[in-house]
PDB file of N, CA and C in Angstrom:
ATOM      1  N   UNK A   1       0.839  -1.188   0.000  1.00  0.00           N
ATOM      2  CA  UNK A   1       0.000   0.000   0.000  1.00  0.00           C
ATOM      3  C   UNK A   1       0.886   1.254   0.000  1.00  0.00           C
ATOM      4  N   UNK A   2       0.535   2.167  -0.825  1.00  0.00           N
ATOM      5  CA  UNK A   2       1.326   3.394  -0.970  1.00  0.00           C
ATOM      6  C   UNK A   2       0.986   4.376   0.152  1.00  0.00           C
ATOM      7  N   UNK A   3       2.028   4.931   0.747  1.00  0.00           N
ATOM      8  CA  UNK A   3       1.857   5.948   1.780  1.00  0.00           C
ATOM      9  C   UNK A   3       1.772   7.304   1.079  1.00  0.00           C
ATOM     10  N   UNK A   4       0.551   7.732   0.783  1.00  0.00           N
ATOM     11  CA  UNK A   4       0.332   8.966   0.026  1.00  0.00           C
ATOM     12  C   UNK A   4       0.856  10.189   0.762  1.00  0.00           C
ATOM     13  N   UNK A   5       0.713  10.212   2.071  1.00  0.00           N
ATOM     14  CA  UNK A   5       1.205  11.347   2.859  1.00  0.00           C
ATOM     15  C   UNK A   5       2.726  11.446   2.746  1.00  0.00           C
ATOM     16  N   UNK A   6       3.400  10.321   2.842  1.00  0.00           N
ATOM     17  CA  UNK A   6       4.857  10.310   2.731  1.00  0.00           C
ATOM     18  C   UNK A   6       5.294  10.845   1.368  1.00  0.00           C
ATOM     19  N   UNK A   7       4.629  10.414   0.306  1.00  0.00           N
ATOM     20  CA  UNK A   7       4.978  10.888  -1.033  1.00  0.00           C
ATOM     21  C   UNK A   7       4.682  12.370  -1.188  1.00  0.00           C
ATOM     22  N   UNK A   8       3.546  12.818  -0.679  1.00  0.00           N
ATOM     23  CA  UNK A   8       3.204  14.245  -0.754  1.00  0.00           C
ATOM     24  C   UNK A   8       4.244  15.084  -0.006  1.00  0.00           C
ATOM     25  N   UNK A   9       4.667  14.597   1.153  1.00  0.00           N
ATOM     26  CA  UNK A   9       5.696  15.310   1.920  1.00  0.00           C
ATOM     27  C   UNK A   9       7.020  15.356   1.153  1.00  0.00           C
ATOM     28  N   UNK A  10       7.369  14.272   0.459  1.00  0.00           N
ATOM     29  CA  UNK A  10       8.607  14.262  -0.334  1.00  0.00           C
ATOM     30  C   UNK A  10       8.534  15.272  -1.469  1.00  0.00           C
ATOM     31  N   UNK A  11       7.382  15.358  -2.122  1.00  0.00           N
ATOM     32  CA  UNK A  11       7.215  16.323  -3.212  1.00  0.00           C
ATOM     33  C   UNK A  11       7.383  17.744  -2.674  1.00  0.00           C
ATOM     34  N   UNK A  12       6.779  18.034  -1.550  1.00  0.00           N
ATOM     35  CA  UNK A  12       6.914  19.368  -0.931  1.00  0.00           C
ATOM     36  C   UNK A  12       8.378  19.635  -0.594  1.00  0.00           C
ATOM     37  N   UNK A  13       9.033  18.637  -0.040  1.00  0.00           N
ATOM     38  CA  UNK A  13      10.454  18.783   0.336  1.00  0.00           C
ATOM     39  C   UNK A  13      11.327  19.034  -0.898  1.00  0.00           C
ATOM     40  N   UNK A  14      11.109  18.255  -1.965  1.00  0.00           N
ATOM     41  CA  UNK A  14      11.912  18.438  -3.180  1.00  0.00           C
ATOM     42  C   UNK A  14      11.633  19.782  -3.826  1.00  0.00           C
ATOM     43  N   UNK A  15      10.381  20.221  -3.794  1.00  0.00           N
ATOM     44  CA  UNK A  15      10.012  21.498  -4.394  1.00  0.00           C
ATOM     45  C   UNK A  15      10.715  22.660  -3.708  1.00  0.00           C
ATOM     46  N   UNK A  16      11.028  22.486  -2.435  1.00  0.00           N
ATOM     47  CA  UNK A  16      11.708  23.541  -1.682  1.00  0.00           C
ATOM     48  C   UNK A  16      13.227  23.521  -1.869  1.00  0.00           C
ATOM     49  N   UNK A  17      13.754  22.431  -2.423  1.00  0.00           N
ATOM     50  CA  UNK A  17      15.202  22.284  -2.604  1.00  0.00           C
ATOM     51  C   UNK A  17      15.670  22.931  -3.905  1.00  0.00           C
ATOM     52  N   UNK A  18      16.942  23.227  -3.933  1.00  0.00           N
ATOM     53  CA  UNK A  18      17.587  23.646  -5.174  1.00  0.00           C
ATOM     54  C   UNK A  18      17.649  22.417  -6.080  1.00  0.00           C
ATOM     55  N   UNK A  19      17.405  22.561  -7.395  1.00  0.00           N
ATOM     56  CA  UNK A  19      17.409  21.395  -8.296  1.00  0.00           C
ATOM     57  C   UNK A  19      18.688  20.554  -8.258  1.00  0.00           C
ATOM     58  N   UNK A  20      19.815  21.147  -7.879  1.00  0.00           N
ATOM     59  CA  UNK A  20      21.071  20.405  -7.838  1.00  0.00           C
ATOM     60  C   UNK A  20      21.430  19.907  -6.436  1.00  0.00           C
ATOM     61  N   UNK A  21      20.513  20.047  -5.511  1.00  0.00           N
ATOM     62  CA  UNK A  21      20.764  19.587  -4.138  1.00  0.00           C
ATOM     63  C   UNK A  21      20.909  18.063  -4.139  1.00  0.00           C
ATOM     64  N   UNK A  22      22.014  17.545  -3.631  1.00  0.00           N
ATOM     65  CA  UNK A  22      22.224  16.095  -3.624  1.00  0.00           C
ATOM     66  C   UNK A  22      21.178  15.331  -2.803  1.00  0.00           C
ATOM     67  N   UNK A  23      20.482  15.994  -1.904  1.00  0.00           N
ATOM     68  CA  UNK A  23      19.450  15.335  -1.097  1.00  0.00           C
ATOM     69  C   UNK A  23      18.265  14.878  -1.946  1.00  0.00           C
ATOM     70  N   UNK A  24      18.118  15.446  -3.129  1.00  0.00           N
ATOM     71  CA  UNK A  24      17.028  15.038  -4.017  1.00  0.00           C
ATOM     72  C   UNK A  24      17.178  13.560  -4.384  1.00  0.00           C
ATOM     73  N   UNK A  25      18.403  13.106  -4.559  1.00  0.00           N
ATOM     74  CA  UNK A  25      18.617  11.691  -4.901  1.00  0.00           C
ATOM     75  C   UNK A  25      18.089  10.767  -3.815  1.00  0.00           C
ATOM     76  N   UNK A  26      18.201  11.169  -2.582  1.00  0.00           N
ATOM     77  CA  UNK A  26      17.658  10.379  -1.479  1.00  0.00           C
ATOM     78  C   UNK A  26      16.137  10.304  -1.572  1.00  0.00           C
ATOM     79  N   UNK A  27      15.521  11.410  -1.924  1.00  0.00           N
ATOM     80  CA  UNK A  27      14.065  11.428  -2.107  1.00  0.00           C
ATOM     81  C   UNK A  27      13.663  10.510  -3.256  1.00  0.00           C
ATOM     82  N   UNK A  28      14.434  10.536  -4.333  1.00  0.00           N
ATOM     83  CA  UNK A  28      14.129   9.666  -5.480  1.00  0.00           C
ATOM     84  C   UNK A  28      14.141   8.205  -5.055  1.00  0.00           C
ATOM     85  N   UNK A  29      15.157   7.808  -4.300  1.00  0.00           N
ATOM     86  CA  UNK A  29      15.249   6.420  -3.866  1.00  0.00           C
ATOM     87  C   UNK A  29      14.088   6.042  -2.957  1.00  0.00           C
ATOM     88  N   UNK A  30      13.716   6.956  -2.075  1.00  0.00           N
ATOM     89  CA  UNK A  30      12.575   6.703  -1.196  1.00  0.00           C
ATOM     90  C   UNK A  30      11.289   6.532  -2.003  1.00  0.00           C
ATOM     91  N   UNK A  31      11.154   7.329  -3.057  1.00  0.00           N
ATOM     92  CA  UNK A  31       9.971   7.206  -3.917  1.00  0.00           C
ATOM     93  C   UNK A  31       9.933   5.845  -4.604  1.00  0.00           C
ATOM     94  N   UNK A  32      11.043   5.460  -5.182  1.00  0.00           N
ATOM     95  CA  UNK A  32      11.106   4.167  -5.869  1.00  0.00           C
ATOM     96  C   UNK A  32      10.765   3.044  -4.893  1.00  0.00           C
ATOM     97  N   UNK A  33      11.290   3.127  -3.691  1.00  0.00           N
ATOM     98  CA  UNK A  33      11.005   2.118  -2.675  1.00  0.00           C
ATOM     99  C   UNK A  33       9.526   2.104  -2.293  1.00  0.00           C
ATOM    100  N   UNK A  34       8.898   3.260  -2.291  1.00  0.00           N
ATOM    101  CA  UNK A  34       7.487   3.366  -1.902  1.00  0.00           C
ATOM    102  C   UNK A  34       6.555   2.709  -2.923  1.00  0.00           C
ATOM    103  N   UNK A  35       6.933   2.781  -4.190  1.00  0.00           N
ATOM    104  CA  UNK A  35       6.099   2.212  -5.253  1.00  0.00           C
ATOM    105  C   UNK A  35       6.448   0.736  -5.441  1.00  0.00           C
ATOM    106  N   UNK A  36       5.727  -0.124  -4.751  1.00  0.00           N
ATOM    107  CA  UNK A  36       6.005  -1.558  -4.817  1.00  0.00           C
ATOM    108  C   UNK A  36       5.061  -2.322  -5.733  1.00  0.00           C
ATOM    109  N   UNK A  37       3.817  -1.928  -5.749  1.00  0.00           N
ATOM    110  CA  UNK A  37       2.805  -2.631  -6.522  1.00  0.00           C
ATOM    111  C   UNK A  37       2.446  -1.814  -7.764  1.00  0.00           C
ATOM    112  N   UNK A  38       2.505  -2.445  -8.918  1.00  0.00           N
ATOM    113  CA  UNK A  38       2.273  -1.728 -10.172  1.00  0.00           C
ATOM    114  C   UNK A  38       0.885  -1.092 -10.221  1.00  0.00           C
ATOM    115  N   UNK A  39      -0.144  -1.846  -9.899  1.00  0.00           N
ATOM    116  CA  UNK A  39      -1.503  -1.297  -9.999  1.00  0.00           C
ATOM    117  C   UNK A  39      -1.736  -0.179  -8.989  1.00  0.00           C
ATOM    118  N   UNK A  40      -1.230  -0.332  -7.767  1.00  0.00           N
ATOM    119  CA  UNK A  40      -1.334   0.746  -6.778  1.00  0.00           C
ATOM    120  C   UNK A  40      -0.593   1.993  -7.264  1.00  0.00           C
ATOM    121  N   UNK A  41       0.556   1.785  -7.893  1.00  0.00           N
ATOM    122  CA  UNK A  41       1.340   2.898  -8.429  1.00  0.00           C
ATOM    123  C   UNK A  41       0.565   3.621  -9.521  1.00  0.00           C
ATOM    124  N   UNK A  42       0.002   2.869 -10.441  1.00  0.00           N
ATOM    125  CA  UNK A  42      -0.774   3.469 -11.538  1.00  0.00           C
ATOM    126  C   UNK A  42      -1.968   4.243 -10.984  1.00  0.00           C
ATOM    127  N   UNK A  43      -2.679   3.653 -10.040  1.00  0.00           N
ATOM    128  CA  UNK A  43      -3.824   4.345  -9.433  1.00  0.00           C
ATOM    129  C   UNK A  43      -3.376   5.637  -8.761  1.00  0.00           C
ATOM    130  N   UNK A  44      -2.260   5.567  -8.059  1.00  0.00           N
ATOM    131  CA  UNK A  44      -1.742   6.762  -7.393  1.00  0.00           C
ATOM    132  C   UNK A  44      -1.346   7.830  -8.410  1.00  0.00           C
ATOM    133  N   UNK A  45      -0.600   7.445  -9.426  1.00  0.00           N
ATOM    134  CA  UNK A  45      -0.146   8.408 -10.427  1.00  0.00           C
ATOM    135  C   UNK A  45      -1.321   9.078 -11.124  1.00  0.00           C
ATOM    136  N   UNK A  46      -2.359   8.320 -11.388  1.00  0.00           N
ATOM    137  CA  UNK A  46      -3.533   8.879 -12.054  1.00  0.00           C
ATOM    138  C   UNK A  46      -4.278   9.887 -11.189  1.00  0.00           C
ATOM    139  N   UNK A  47      -4.008   9.899  -9.892  1.00  0.00           N
ATOM    140  CA  UNK A  47      -4.677  10.850  -8.996  1.00  0.00           C
ATOM    141  C   UNK A  47      -3.805  12.056  -8.659  1.00  0.00           C
ATOM    142  N   UNK A  48      -2.595  12.087  -9.188  1.00  0.00           N
ATOM    143  CA  UNK A  48      -1.645  13.155  -8.849  1.00  0.00           C
ATOM    144  C   UNK A  48      -1.934  14.457  -9.581  1.00  0.00           C
ATOM    145  N   UNK A  49      -1.473  15.535  -8.975  1.00  0.00           N
ATOM    146  CA  UNK A  49      -1.519  16.856  -9.609  1.00  0.00           C
ATOM    147  C   UNK A  49      -0.337  16.991 -10.573  1.00  0.00           C
ATOM    148  N   UNK A  50      -0.359  18.038 -11.349  1.00  0.00           N
ATOM    149  CA  UNK A  50       0.743  18.294 -12.280  1.00  0.00           C
ATOM    150  C   UNK A  50       2.066  18.490 -11.531  1.00  0.00           C
ATOM    151  N   UNK A  51       2.026  19.209 -10.420  1.00  0.00           N
ATOM    152  CA  UNK A  51       3.240  19.441  -9.628  1.00  0.00           C
ATOM    153  C   UNK A  51       3.795  18.113  -9.100  1.00  0.00           C
ATOM    154  N   UNK A  52       2.918  17.263  -8.611  1.00  0.00           N
ATOM    155  CA  UNK A  52       3.365  15.964  -8.108  1.00  0.00           C
ATOM    156  C   UNK A  52       3.969  15.126  -9.232  1.00  0.00           C
ATOM    157  N   UNK A  53       3.318  15.105 -10.388  1.00  0.00           N
ATOM    158  CA  UNK A  53       3.835  14.351 -11.530  1.00  0.00           C
ATOM    159  C   UNK A  53       5.179  14.897 -11.968  1.00  0.00           C
ATOM    160  N   UNK A  54       5.341  16.210 -11.939  1.00  0.00           N
ATOM    161  CA  UNK A  54       6.620  16.810 -12.319  1.00  0.00           C
ATOM    162  C   UNK A  54       7.753  16.198 -11.492  1.00  0.00           C
ATOM    163  N   UNK A  55       7.568  16.133 -10.179  1.00  0.00           N
ATOM    164  CA  UNK A  55       8.623  15.611  -9.310  1.00  0.00           C
ATOM    165  C   UNK A  55       8.735  14.100  -9.373  1.00  0.00           C
ATOM    166  N   UNK A  56       7.615  13.413  -9.407  1.00  0.00           N
ATOM    167  CA  UNK A  56       7.639  11.947  -9.440  1.00  0.00           C
ATOM    168  C   UNK A  56       8.161  11.433 -10.775  1.00  0.00           C
ATOM    169  N   UNK A  57       7.972  12.207 -11.835  1.00  0.00           N
ATOM    170  CA  UNK A  57       8.437  11.762 -13.157  1.00  0.00           C
ATOM    171  C   UNK A  57       9.944  11.540 -13.190  1.00  0.00           C
ATOM    172  N   UNK A  58      10.649  12.124 -12.250  1.00  0.00           N
ATOM    173  CA  UNK A  58      12.099  11.919 -12.184  1.00  0.00           C
ATOM    174  C   UNK A  58      12.469  10.477 -11.858  1.00  0.00           C
ATOM    175  N   UNK A  59      11.527   9.699 -11.354  1.00  0.00           N
ATOM    176  CA  UNK A  59      11.798   8.283 -11.072  1.00  0.00           C
ATOM    177  C   UNK A  59      11.026   7.351 -12.010  1.00  0.00           C
ATOM    178  N   UNK A  60      10.390   7.908 -13.030  1.00  0.00           N
ATOM    179  CA  UNK A  60       9.630   7.069 -13.959  1.00  0.00           C
ATOM    180  C   UNK A  60      10.497   6.001 -14.618  1.00  0.00           C
ATOM    181  N   UNK A  61      11.745   6.334 -14.941  1.00  0.00           N
ATOM    182  CA  UNK A  61      12.613   5.339 -15.576  1.00  0.00           C
ATOM    183  C   UNK A  61      12.941   4.200 -14.607  1.00  0.00           C
ATOM    184  N   UNK A  62      13.155   4.526 -13.334  1.00  0.00           N
ATOM    185  CA  UNK A  62      13.396   3.477 -12.334  1.00  0.00           C
ATOM    186  C   UNK A  62      12.168   2.591 -12.157  1.00  0.00           C
ATOM    187  N   UNK A  63      11.001   3.215 -12.170  1.00  0.00           N
ATOM    188  CA  UNK A  63       9.764   2.447 -12.038  1.00  0.00           C
ATOM    189  C   UNK A  63       9.521   1.590 -13.278  1.00  0.00           C
ATOM    190  N   UNK A  64       9.901   2.103 -14.426  1.00  0.00           N
ATOM    191  CA  UNK A  64       9.756   1.327 -15.663  1.00  0.00           C
ATOM    192  C   UNK A  64      10.612   0.072 -15.604  1.00  0.00           C
ATOM    193  N   UNK A  65      11.793   0.213 -15.060  1.00  0.00           N
ATOM    194  CA  UNK A  65      12.671  -0.949 -14.891  1.00  0.00           C
ATOM    195  C   UNK A  65      12.065  -1.929 -13.886  1.00  0.00           C
ATOM    196  N   UNK A  66      11.522  -1.388 -12.823  1.00  0.00           N
ATOM    197  CA  UNK A  66      10.945  -2.195 -11.752  1.00  0.00           C
ATOM    198  C   UNK A  66       9.727  -2.989 -12.235  1.00  0.00           C
ATOM    199  N   UNK A  67       8.849  -2.334 -13.034  1.00  0.00           N
ATOM    200  CA  UNK A  67       7.609  -2.970 -13.459  1.00  0.00           C
ATOM    201  C   UNK A  67       7.702  -3.613 -14.838  1.00  0.00           C
ATOM    202  N   UNK A  68       8.481  -3.032 -15.748  1.00  0.00           N
ATOM    203  CA  UNK A  68       8.681  -3.571 -17.098  1.00  0.00           C
ATOM    204  C   UNK A  68       7.384  -4.068 -17.733  1.00  0.00           C
ATOM    205  N   UNK A  69       6.388  -3.189 -17.818  1.00  0.00           N
ATOM    206  CA  UNK A  69       5.111  -3.625 -18.381  1.00  0.00           C
ATOM    207  C   UNK A  69       4.496  -2.574 -19.299  1.00  0.00           C
ATOM    208  N   UNK A  70       3.735  -3.055 -20.240  1.00  0.00           N
ATOM    209  CA  UNK A  70       3.018  -2.178 -21.163  1.00  0.00           C
ATOM    210  C   UNK A  70       1.982  -1.341 -20.415  1.00  0.00           C
ATOM    211  N   UNK A  71       1.381  -1.918 -19.396  1.00  0.00           N
ATOM    212  CA  UNK A  71       0.375  -1.200 -18.608  1.00  0.00           C
ATOM    213  C   UNK A  71       0.982   0.051 -17.975  1.00  0.00           C
ATOM    214  N   UNK A  72       2.178  -0.090 -17.425  1.00  0.00           N
ATOM    215  CA  UNK A  72       2.858   1.055 -16.817  1.00  0.00           C
ATOM    216  C   UNK A  72       3.220   2.089 -17.885  1.00  0.00           C
ATOM    217  N   UNK A  73       3.735   1.638 -19.018  1.00  0.00           N
ATOM    218  CA  UNK A  73       4.089   2.553 -20.105  1.00  0.00           C
ATOM    219  C   UNK A  73       2.857   3.318 -20.574  1.00  0.00           C
ATOM    220  N   UNK A  74       1.753   2.607 -20.734  1.00  0.00           N
ATOM    221  CA  UNK A  74       0.510   3.268 -21.151  1.00  0.00           C
ATOM    222  C   UNK A  74       0.085   4.326 -20.142  1.00  0.00           C
ATOM    223  N   UNK A  75       0.278   4.040 -18.865  1.00  0.00           N
ATOM    224  CA  UNK A  75      -0.061   4.999 -17.818  1.00  0.00           C
ATOM    225  C   UNK A  75       0.749   6.284 -17.973  1.00  0.00           C
ATOM    226  N   UNK A  76       2.061   6.162 -18.130  1.00  0.00           N
ATOM    227  CA  UNK A  76       2.857   7.402 -18.220  1.00  0.00           C
ATOM    228  C   UNK A  76       2.610   8.135 -19.546  1.00  0.00           C
ATOM    229  N   UNK A  77       2.234   7.407 -20.585  1.00  0.00           N
ATOM    230  CA  UNK A  77       1.851   8.071 -21.839  1.00  0.00           C
ATOM    231  C   UNK A  77       0.587   8.913 -21.627  1.00  0.00           C
ATOM    232  N   UNK A  78      -0.366   8.361 -20.890  1.00  0.00           N
ATOM    233  CA  UNK A  78      -1.594   9.103 -20.580  1.00  0.00           C
ATOM    234  C   UNK A  78      -1.292  10.324 -19.704  1.00  0.00           C
ATOM    235  N   UNK A  79      -0.375  10.158 -18.777  1.00  0.00           N
ATOM    236  CA  UNK A  79       0.015  11.291 -17.932  1.00  0.00           C
ATOM    237  C   UNK A  79       0.675  12.388 -18.765  1.00  0.00           C
ATOM    238  N   UNK A  80       1.445  11.996 -19.757  1.00  0.00           N
ATOM    239  CA  UNK A  80       2.094  12.979 -20.640  1.00  0.00           C
ATOM    240  C   UNK A  80       1.046  13.777 -21.418  1.00  0.00           C
ATOM    241  N   UNK A  81      -0.027  13.122 -21.805  1.00  0.00           N
ATOM    242  CA  UNK A  81      -1.119  13.826 -22.491  1.00  0.00           C
ATOM    243  C   UNK A  81      -1.883  14.729 -21.527  1.00  0.00           C
ATOM    244  N   UNK A  82      -2.098  14.235 -20.321  1.00  0.00           N
ATOM    245  CA  UNK A  82      -2.838  14.983 -19.303  1.00  0.00           C
ATOM    246  C   UNK A  82      -2.062  16.219 -18.844  1.00  0.00           C
ATOM    247  N   UNK A  83      -0.727  16.086 -18.777  1.00  0.00           N
ATOM    248  CA  UNK A  83       0.136  17.170 -18.301  1.00  0.00           C
ATOM    249  C   UNK A  83       1.206  17.502 -19.352  1.00  0.00           C
ATOM    250  N   UNK A  84       0.813  18.140 -20.454  1.00  0.00           N
ATOM    251  CA  UNK A  84       1.778  18.400 -21.541  1.00  0.00           C
ATOM    252  C   UNK A  84       2.943  19.318 -21.151  1.00  0.00           C
ATOM    253  N   UNK A  85       2.801  20.069 -20.079  1.00  0.00           N
ATOM    254  CA  UNK A  85       3.892  20.948 -19.641  1.00  0.00           C
ATOM    255  C   UNK A  85       5.023  20.176 -18.974  1.00  0.00           C
ATOM    256  N   UNK A  86       4.753  18.933 -18.564  1.00  0.00           N
ATOM    257  CA  UNK A  86       5.773  18.093 -17.944  1.00  0.00           C
ATOM    258  C   UNK A  86       6.371  17.210 -19.035  1.00  0.00           C
ATOM    259  N   UNK A  87       7.621  17.455 -19.366  1.00  0.00           N
ATOM    260  CA  UNK A  87       8.281  16.698 -20.439  1.00  0.00           C
ATOM    261  C   UNK A  87       8.640  15.296 -19.953  1.00  0.00           C
ATOM    262  N   UNK A  88       7.944  14.312 -20.507  1.00  0.00           N
ATOM    263  CA  UNK A  88       8.172  12.917 -20.129  1.00  0.00           C
ATOM    264  C   UNK A  88       8.631  12.078 -21.316  1.00  0.00           C
ATOM    265  N   UNK A  89       9.006  12.721 -22.400  1.00  0.00           N
ATOM    266  CA  UNK A  89       9.371  11.991 -23.619  1.00  0.00           C
ATOM    267  C   UNK A  89      10.503  10.995 -23.384  1.00  0.00           C
ATOM    268  N   UNK A  90      11.546  11.415 -22.719  1.00  0.00           N
ATOM    269  CA  UNK A  90      12.683  10.519 -22.459  1.00  0.00           C
ATOM    270  C   UNK A  90      12.270   9.368 -21.541  1.00  0.00           C
ATOM    271  N   UNK A  91      11.504   9.677 -20.517  1.00  0.00           N
ATOM    272  CA  UNK A  91      11.058   8.632 -19.587  1.00  0.00           C
ATOM    273  C   UNK A  91      10.192   7.590 -20.301  1.00  0.00           C
ATOM    274  N   UNK A  92       9.347   8.051 -21.211  1.00  0.00           N
ATOM    275  CA  UNK A  92       8.505   7.127 -21.982  1.00  0.00           C
ATOM    276  C   UNK A  92       9.367   6.257 -22.887  1.00  0.00           C
ATOM    277  N   UNK A  93      10.338   6.873 -23.534  1.00  0.00           N
ATOM    278  CA  UNK A  93      11.237   6.119 -24.417  1.00  0.00           C
ATOM    279  C   UNK A  93      11.992   5.042 -23.622  1.00  0.00           C
ATOM    280  N   UNK A  94      12.488   5.406 -22.471  1.00  0.00           N
ATOM    281  CA  UNK A  94      13.207   4.449 -21.622  1.00  0.00           C
ATOM    282  C   UNK A  94      12.272   3.330 -21.184  1.00  0.00           C
ATOM    283  N   UNK A  95      11.075   3.700 -20.743  1.00  0.00           N
ATOM    284  CA  UNK A  95      10.102   2.692 -20.293  1.00  0.00           C
ATOM    285  C   UNK A  95       9.761   1.726 -21.426  1.00  0.00           C
ATOM    286  N   UNK A  96       9.596   2.246 -22.621  1.00  0.00           N
ATOM    287  CA  UNK A  96       9.295   1.381 -23.761  1.00  0.00           C
ATOM    288  C   UNK A  96      10.444   0.426 -24.056  1.00  0.00           C
ATOM    289  N   UNK A  97      11.664   0.887 -23.835  1.00  0.00           N
ATOM    290  CA  UNK A  97      12.819   0.024 -24.114  1.00  0.00           C
ATOM    291  C   UNK A  97      12.864  -1.183 -23.178  1.00  0.00           C
ATOM    292  N   UNK A  98      12.292  -1.065 -22.000  1.00  0.00           N
ATOM    293  CA  UNK A  98      12.287  -2.159 -21.042  1.00  0.00           C
ATOM    294  C   UNK A  98      11.294  -3.265 -21.405  1.00  0.00           C
ATOM    295  N   UNK A  99      10.321  -2.930 -22.243  1.00  0.00           N
ATOM    296  CA  UNK A  99       9.336  -3.961 -22.612  1.00  0.00           C
ATOM    297  C   UNK A  99       9.513  -4.442 -24.039  1.00  0.00           C
ATOM    298  N   UNK A 100      10.457  -3.876 -24.749  1.00  0.00           N
ATOM    299  CA  UNK A 100      10.684  -4.268 -26.155  1.00  0.00           C
ATOM    300  C   UNK A 100      11.547  -5.513 -26.245  1.00  0.00           C
TER     301      UNK A 100
END
């Protein structure tokens, strides 16, 4: 089960950091660890705001490796359409490479 409060707190924390702050990598790892179940992850991602997707998208490639499924790839493609201001092209390409 995903701890939504923990993820929301991480997004707030990362948003307050400088983009080059090395502590962001720790947040990324915590996020990847939090997303254990593919379907729970997809449900969670589909409920996120644009700001949350912006920050969480930084671990989309790690999640793609973890899940390696067309269902996950389709989810992030839909998120890219829903949030066109968040550039996910590279993450989608990487995710697709894991299922090819």
